[in-house]
Amino acid sequence: MTSSPKAIEAREKIRAQFPDDYDAGARAGFTNSPDYPSGFHSWSLERRDAFFAGYNAGRCDRPKINGKNDD
C-alpha cells in the first residue's frame, strides 16, 4: 500500500489509540467479512473510525486473485 507520510502518521495515531478495533477492522477487510463487531453501533465515532481505517488497510493488503482483486 502506498500512502503519503501524512496518511501513514494519521493511521498510526488511530491504531495507537484503538489497536484492537483497528486490528479487527484489518482482519475484516482482509477476509472480506461483511459483519460488524458486536456492539459496533454503540461505539464512539473514534472507535468506528479506527475499525474502518483498519478495514481499508486490510482491503488494500488483500492478495490479488487471478491477477486482480475480487472487488
Protein backbone atom coordinates (compact mmCIF):
# COMPACT_ATOMS: atom_id res chain seq x y z
CA MET A 1 0.00 0.00 0.00
CA THR A 2 1.42 3.37 -0.93
CA SER A 3 0.36 6.25 1.25
CA SER A 4 1.55 9.74 1.91
CA PRO A 5 3.60 10.31 5.07
CA LYS A 6 0.69 12.32 6.49
CA ALA A 7 -1.75 9.44 5.91
CA ILE A 8 0.68 6.94 7.44
CA GLU A 9 1.08 9.16 10.51
CA ALA A 10 -2.69 9.52 10.90
CA ARG A 11 -3.21 5.76 10.55
CA GLU A 12 -0.50 5.03 13.15
CA LYS A 13 -2.09 7.51 15.56
CA ILE A 14 -5.52 5.87 15.17
CA ARG A 15 -4.02 2.40 15.61
CA ALA A 16 -2.16 3.51 18.76
CA GLN A 17 -5.41 4.78 20.31
CA PHE A 18 -7.61 1.81 19.36
CA PRO A 19 -5.33 -1.12 18.47
CA ASP A 20 -7.93 -3.86 18.97
CA ASP A 21 -10.58 -2.09 16.89
CA TYR A 22 -8.10 -1.22 14.14
CA ASP A 23 -6.85 -4.81 14.00
CA ALA A 24 -10.41 -6.18 13.96
CA GLY A 25 -11.14 -3.92 11.00
CA ALA A 26 -7.97 -5.01 9.22
CA ARG A 27 -8.93 -8.68 9.66
CA ALA A 28 -12.45 -8.00 8.41
CA GLY A 29 -11.16 -6.13 5.36
CA PHE A 30 -8.55 -8.73 4.55
CA THR A 31 -11.01 -11.62 4.80
CA ASN A 32 -13.82 -9.63 3.14
CA SER A 33 -16.08 -10.18 6.14
CA PRO A 34 -19.37 -8.27 5.84
CA ASP A 35 -20.09 -8.37 9.59
CA TYR A 36 -19.57 -5.61 12.14
CA PRO A 37 -18.20 -6.48 15.60
CA SER A 38 -20.65 -6.95 18.45
CA GLY A 39 -21.87 -3.61 19.78
CA PHE A 40 -20.39 -1.70 16.85
CA HIS A 41 -23.29 0.73 16.51
CA SER A 42 -22.95 1.83 20.13
CA TRP A 43 -19.22 2.54 19.80
CA SER A 44 -17.90 6.09 19.81
CA LEU A 45 -17.23 7.68 16.44
CA GLU A 46 -13.48 7.44 17.09
CA ARG A 47 -13.68 3.67 17.65
CA ARG A 48 -15.73 3.21 14.48
CA ASP A 49 -13.20 5.33 12.57
CA ALA A 50 -10.42 3.06 13.86
CA PHE A 51 -12.32 -0.02 12.69
CA PHE A 52 -12.84 1.45 9.21
CA ALA A 53 -9.23 2.67 8.97
CA GLY A 54 -8.15 -0.90 9.69
CA TYR A 55 -10.75 -2.26 7.28
CA ASN A 56 -9.41 -0.08 4.48
CA ALA A 57 -5.82 -1.13 5.22
CA GLY A 58 -6.88 -4.78 5.24
CA ARG A 59 -8.67 -4.43 1.91
CA CYS A 60 -5.61 -2.82 0.36
CA ASP A 61 -3.44 -5.70 1.62
CA ARG A 62 -5.68 -8.42 0.15
CA PRO A 63 -3.85 -10.73 -2.17
CA LYS A 64 -4.76 -10.48 -5.81
CA ILE A 65 -6.72 -13.45 -7.07
CA ASN A 66 -6.26 -14.37 -10.73
CA GLY A 67 -4.27 -11.19 -11.28
CA LYS A 68 -6.93 -8.84 -9.91
CA ASN A 69 -8.75 -8.05 -6.69
CA ASP A 70 -12.17 -9.60 -6.29
CA ASP A 71 -13.88 -6.20 -5.90
